[in-house]
Amino acid sequence: MLCDVAEVGRNMSKQNRSFYHDDKGMELPINIVVMLVVGMVALAALLAIIPESKKNLVVEVDSVDGNPGVTGDIANGVPTDVTVILTLYDRDNNPVEGASVIITGGGGLGSAKTDASGKSTVTISDVFIRINQDSIDLKLVAKANGFYDYTDESAILIT
């Protein structure tokens, strides 16, 4: 049963020609392209929902009880209200609006929000320095959306 070489060649060419007319032969490359496109769309959607990275807040204390700087002066043994004016900026020196500012210490507490210029006036009620103390430090905490929380344990010195 020897086959004729020409007959084998004719049969192969018919098989090859039938492959070109077969629609199933194109399914694999099209499926790969479709999966690649769907994967890229899914990746783009995931990247779009990742939030922007947070920035650092910069806090500048403008005055304490009308005195420029970070030092205030009150009488020992007498509960006193202390008024602090400060400004919040981002790293590009743009004012931060709507940030919460909390100042605590000496038995007192005060909080406020910043305005459009980044300024805030915080009144800390009933700050008290004991008779045997020389000074106290007030803690300042500032929080704003999109920013890391700012905390300074000894932001303001009261003598």
C-alpha atoms as a PDB file:
ATOM      1  CA  MET A   1       0.000   0.000   0.000  1.00  0.00           C
ATOM      2  CA  LEU A   2       2.288   2.632  -1.185  1.00  0.00           C
ATOM      3  CA  CYS A   3       0.730   6.027  -1.630  1.00  0.00           C
ATOM      4  CA  ASP A   4       1.322   8.160  -4.610  1.00  0.00           C
ATOM      5  CA  VAL A   5       3.312  11.308  -3.649  1.00  0.00           C
ATOM      6  CA  ALA A   6       1.181  13.529  -5.833  1.00  0.00           C
ATOM      7  CA  GLU A   7      -1.974  12.236  -4.166  1.00  0.00           C
ATOM      8  CA  VAL A   8      -0.561  13.007  -0.691  1.00  0.00           C
ATOM      9  CA  GLY A   9       0.374  16.531  -1.823  1.00  0.00           C
ATOM     10  CA  ARG A  10      -3.091  17.043  -3.245  1.00  0.00           C
ATOM     11  CA  ASN A  11      -4.710  15.894   0.010  1.00  0.00           C
ATOM     12  CA  MET A  12      -2.533  18.218   2.109  1.00  0.00           C
ATOM     13  CA  SER A  13      -3.263  21.200  -0.032  1.00  0.00           C
ATOM     14  CA  LYS A  14      -6.991  20.513   0.303  1.00  0.00           C
ATOM     15  CA  GLN A  15      -6.576  20.341   4.095  1.00  0.00           C
ATOM     16  CA  ASN A  16      -4.588  23.558   4.120  1.00  0.00           C
ATOM     17  CA  ARG A  17      -7.119  25.277   1.915  1.00  0.00           C
ATOM     18  CA  SER A  18      -9.982  24.111   4.119  1.00  0.00           C
ATOM     19  CA  PHE A  19      -8.217  25.663   7.155  1.00  0.00           C
ATOM     20  CA  TYR A  20      -8.305  29.095   5.535  1.00  0.00           C
ATOM     21  CA  HIS A  21     -12.041  28.839   5.021  1.00  0.00           C
ATOM     22  CA  ASP A  22     -12.686  27.564   8.531  1.00  0.00           C
ATOM     23  CA  ASP A  23     -14.010  30.319  10.833  1.00  0.00           C
ATOM     24  CA  LYS A  24     -12.911  28.446  13.969  1.00  0.00           C
ATOM     25  CA  GLY A  25      -9.266  28.934  13.054  1.00  0.00           C
ATOM     26  CA  MET A  26      -9.525  32.658  13.873  1.00  0.00           C
ATOM     27  CA  GLU A  27     -11.186  32.268  17.303  1.00  0.00           C
ATOM     28  CA  LEU A  28      -7.987  31.939  19.322  1.00  0.00           C
ATOM     29  CA  PRO A  29      -6.302  35.203  18.179  1.00  0.00           C
ATOM     30  CA  ILE A  30      -9.546  37.155  18.488  1.00  0.00           C
ATOM     31  CA  ASN A  31     -10.139  35.792  21.998  1.00  0.00           C
ATOM     32  CA  ILE A  32      -6.632  36.873  23.014  1.00  0.00           C
ATOM     33  CA  VAL A  33      -7.205  40.395  21.686  1.00  0.00           C
ATOM     34  CA  VAL A  34     -10.583  40.661  23.437  1.00  0.00           C
ATOM     35  CA  MET A  35      -9.111  39.451  26.745  1.00  0.00           C
ATOM     36  CA  LEU A  36      -6.242  41.929  26.409  1.00  0.00           C
ATOM     37  CA  VAL A  37      -8.624  44.848  25.796  1.00  0.00           C
ATOM     38  CA  VAL A  38     -10.898  43.852  28.699  1.00  0.00           C
ATOM     39  CA  GLY A  39      -7.854  43.498  30.965  1.00  0.00           C
ATOM     40  CA  MET A  40      -6.563  46.949  30.032  1.00  0.00           C
ATOM     41  CA  VAL A  41      -9.988  48.512  30.689  1.00  0.00           C
ATOM     42  CA  ALA A  42     -10.139  46.801  34.101  1.00  0.00           C
ATOM     43  CA  LEU A  43      -6.626  48.028  34.953  1.00  0.00           C
ATOM     44  CA  ALA A  44      -7.527  51.589  33.929  1.00  0.00           C
ATOM     45  CA  ALA A  45     -10.646  51.443  36.129  1.00  0.00           C
ATOM     46  CA  LEU A  46      -8.601  50.269  39.117  1.00  0.00           C
ATOM     47  CA  LEU A  47      -6.041  53.022  38.644  1.00  0.00           C
ATOM     48  CA  ALA A  48      -8.816  55.615  38.416  1.00  0.00           C
ATOM     49  CA  ILE A  49     -10.245  54.729  41.843  1.00  0.00           C
ATOM     50  CA  ILE A  50      -6.915  54.834  43.690  1.00  0.00           C
ATOM     51  CA  PRO A  51      -7.005  58.020  45.772  1.00  0.00           C
ATOM     52  CA  GLU A  52      -4.460  60.780  45.342  1.00  0.00           C
ATOM     53  CA  SER A  53      -1.596  60.575  47.805  1.00  0.00           C
ATOM     54  CA  LYS A  54      -1.834  62.676  50.953  1.00  0.00           C
ATOM     55  CA  LYS A  55       0.149  65.837  51.495  1.00  0.00           C
ATOM     56  CA  ASN A  56       1.747  67.382  54.585  1.00  0.00           C
ATOM     57  CA  LEU A  57       0.193  70.333  56.390  1.00  0.00           C
ATOM     58  CA  VAL A  58       2.287  73.347  57.345  1.00  0.00           C
ATOM     59  CA  VAL A  59       1.047  75.213  60.432  1.00  0.00           C
ATOM     60  CA  GLU A  60       2.239  78.722  61.277  1.00  0.00           C
ATOM     61  CA  VAL A  61       1.279  80.251  64.631  1.00  0.00           C
ATOM     62  CA  ASP A  62       0.788  83.963  63.975  1.00  0.00           C
ATOM     63  CA  SER A  63       0.076  85.180  67.510  1.00  0.00           C
ATOM     64  CA  VAL A  64      -0.789  84.083  71.050  1.00  0.00           C
ATOM     65  CA  ASP A  65      -2.971  86.557  72.976  1.00  0.00           C
ATOM     66  CA  GLY A  66      -1.901  89.328  70.612  1.00  0.00           C
ATOM     67  CA  ASN A  67       1.829  88.593  71.025  1.00  0.00           C
ATOM     68  CA  PRO A  68       3.562  87.603  67.777  1.00  0.00           C
ATOM     69  CA  GLY A  69       5.108  84.134  67.835  1.00  0.00           C
ATOM     70  CA  VAL A  70       4.363  81.004  69.823  1.00  0.00           C
ATOM     71  CA  THR A  71       4.669  82.301  73.398  1.00  0.00           C
ATOM     72  CA  GLY A  72       1.852  83.586  75.574  1.00  0.00           C
ATOM     73  CA  ASP A  73       1.891  85.060  79.071  1.00  0.00           C
ATOM     74  CA  ILE A  74      -0.746  84.495  81.776  1.00  0.00           C
ATOM     75  CA  ALA A  75      -0.850  84.786  85.566  1.00  0.00           C
ATOM     76  CA  ASN A  76      -0.090  81.656  87.608  1.00  0.00           C
ATOM     77  CA  GLY A  77      -2.993  80.148  89.527  1.00  0.00           C
ATOM     78  CA  VAL A  78      -5.692  81.976  87.564  1.00  0.00           C
ATOM     79  CA  PRO A  79      -7.724  80.191  84.855  1.00  0.00           C
ATOM     80  CA  THR A  80      -7.431  82.352  81.743  1.00  0.00           C
ATOM     81  CA  ASP A  81      -8.713  82.187  78.151  1.00  0.00           C
ATOM     82  CA  VAL A  82      -5.912  82.158  75.570  1.00  0.00           C
ATOM     83  CA  THR A  83      -6.520  83.209  71.945  1.00  0.00           C
ATOM     84  CA  VAL A  84      -4.277  81.757  69.236  1.00  0.00           C
ATOM     85  CA  ILE A  85      -4.305  82.920  65.594  1.00  0.00           C
ATOM     86  CA  LEU A  86      -2.717  80.546  63.101  1.00  0.00           C
ATOM     87  CA  THR A  87      -2.536  79.793  59.376  1.00  0.00           C
ATOM     88  CA  LEU A  88      -2.490  76.413  57.612  1.00  0.00           C
ATOM     89  CA  TYR A  89      -0.748  75.867  54.273  1.00  0.00           C
ATOM     90  CA  ASP A  90      -0.067  72.938  51.995  1.00  0.00           C
ATOM     91  CA  ARG A  91       3.462  72.161  50.763  1.00  0.00           C
ATOM     92  CA  ASP A  92       3.030  74.638  47.880  1.00  0.00           C
ATOM     93  CA  ASN A  93       2.140  77.515  50.279  1.00  0.00           C
ATOM     94  CA  ASN A  94      -1.548  77.448  49.295  1.00  0.00           C
ATOM     95  CA  PRO A  95      -3.961  78.112  52.193  1.00  0.00           C
ATOM     96  CA  VAL A  96      -5.959  75.098  53.412  1.00  0.00           C
ATOM     97  CA  GLU A  97      -9.658  75.831  53.886  1.00  0.00           C
ATOM     98  CA  GLY A  98     -11.950  73.833  56.189  1.00  0.00           C
ATOM     99  CA  ALA A  99      -9.231  72.215  58.291  1.00  0.00           C
ATOM    100  CA  SER A 100     -10.029  71.423  61.926  1.00  0.00           C
ATOM    101  CA  VAL A 101      -7.646  72.851  64.512  1.00  0.00           C
ATOM    102  CA  ILE A 102      -7.660  71.612  68.115  1.00  0.00           C
ATOM    103  CA  ILE A 103      -5.465  73.066  70.870  1.00  0.00           C
ATOM    104  CA  THR A 104      -5.318  71.462  74.327  1.00  0.00           C
ATOM    105  CA  GLY A 105      -3.258  71.799  77.476  1.00  0.00           C
ATOM    106  CA  GLY A 106      -3.231  73.378  80.897  1.00  0.00           C
ATOM    107  CA  GLY A 107      -6.725  72.028  81.529  1.00  0.00           C
ATOM    108  CA  GLY A 108      -8.136  73.962  78.582  1.00  0.00           C
ATOM    109  CA  LEU A 109      -9.476  73.049  75.165  1.00  0.00           C
ATOM    110  CA  GLY A 110     -10.282  75.033  72.044  1.00  0.00           C
ATOM    111  CA  SER A 111     -11.143  74.187  68.444  1.00  0.00           C
ATOM    112  CA  ALA A 112     -12.001  75.970  65.215  1.00  0.00           C
ATOM    113  CA  LYS A 113     -11.963  75.585  61.424  1.00  0.00           C
ATOM    114  CA  THR A 114      -9.822  77.488  58.948  1.00  0.00           C
ATOM    115  CA  ASP A 115     -11.368  79.999  56.553  1.00  0.00           C
ATOM    116  CA  ALA A 116     -10.670  80.469  52.821  1.00  0.00           C
ATOM    117  CA  SER A 117      -7.347  82.172  53.582  1.00  0.00           C
ATOM    118  CA  GLY A 118      -6.254  79.241  55.799  1.00  0.00           C
ATOM    119  CA  LYS A 119      -6.532  81.368  58.961  1.00  0.00           C
ATOM    120  CA  SER A 120      -8.140  80.244  62.187  1.00  0.00           C
ATOM    121  CA  THR A 121      -8.701  81.890  65.560  1.00  0.00           C
ATOM    122  CA  VAL A 122      -8.832  79.364  68.407  1.00  0.00           C
ATOM    123  CA  THR A 123      -9.806  80.366  71.928  1.00  0.00           C
ATOM    124  CA  ILE A 124      -8.610  77.903  74.563  1.00  0.00           C
ATOM    125  CA  SER A 125     -10.811  78.290  77.623  1.00  0.00           C
ATOM    126  CA  ASP A 126      -9.610  78.109  81.236  1.00  0.00           C
ATOM    127  CA  VAL A 127      -5.887  77.571  80.699  1.00  0.00           C
ATOM    128  CA  PHE A 128      -4.335  77.152  84.118  1.00  0.00           C
ATOM    129  CA  ILE A 129      -0.692  77.282  85.253  1.00  0.00           C
ATOM    130  CA  ARG A 130      -0.201  75.960  88.778  1.00  0.00           C
ATOM    131  CA  ILE A 131       1.531  78.198  91.284  1.00  0.00           C
ATOM    132  CA  ASN A 132       4.630  75.958  91.381  1.00  0.00           C
ATOM    133  CA  GLN A 133       4.979  75.749  87.547  1.00  0.00           C
ATOM    134  CA  ASP A 134       6.979  78.096  85.377  1.00  0.00           C
ATOM    135  CA  SER A 135       5.281  77.263  82.076  1.00  0.00           C
ATOM    136  CA  ILE A 136       3.086  74.821  80.170  1.00  0.00           C
ATOM    137  CA  ASP A 137       3.021  73.609  76.593  1.00  0.00           C
ATOM    138  CA  LEU A 138      -0.156  73.523  74.548  1.00  0.00           C
ATOM    139  CA  LYS A 139      -0.664  70.698  72.062  1.00  0.00           C
ATOM    140  CA  LEU A 140      -1.831  71.601  68.561  1.00  0.00           C
ATOM    141  CA  VAL A 141      -3.553  69.110  66.223  1.00  0.00           C
ATOM    142  CA  ALA A 142      -4.667  70.050  62.693  1.00  0.00           C
ATOM    143  CA  LYS A 143      -6.674  67.761  60.407  1.00  0.00           C
ATOM    144  CA  ALA A 144      -7.834  68.251  56.814  1.00  0.00           C
ATOM    145  CA  ASN A 145      -9.109  65.972  54.067  1.00  0.00           C
ATOM    146  CA  GLY A 146      -6.322  64.868  51.723  1.00  0.00           C
ATOM    147  CA  PHE A 147      -3.606  65.696  54.243  1.00  0.00           C
ATOM    148  CA  TYR A 148      -1.709  63.840  56.926  1.00  0.00           C
ATOM    149  CA  ASP A 149      -2.726  64.887  60.438  1.00  0.00           C
ATOM    150  CA  TYR A 150      -0.406  67.503  61.940  1.00  0.00           C
ATOM    151  CA  THR A 151       0.455  67.111  65.631  1.00  0.00           C
ATOM    152  CA  ASP A 152       2.849  69.196  67.704  1.00  0.00           C
ATOM    153  CA  GLU A 153       2.972  68.315  71.408  1.00  0.00           C
ATOM    154  CA  SER A 154       4.604  71.633  72.366  1.00  0.00           C
ATOM    155  CA  ALA A 155       3.433  74.041  69.673  1.00  0.00           C
ATOM    156  CA  ILE A 156       2.654  76.909  72.048  1.00  0.00           C
ATOM    157  CA  LEU A 157       4.501  77.892  75.203  1.00  0.00           C
ATOM    158  CA  ILE A 158       2.542  79.636  77.958  1.00  0.00           C
ATOM    159  CA  THR A 159       4.587  81.276  80.727  1.00  0.00           C
END
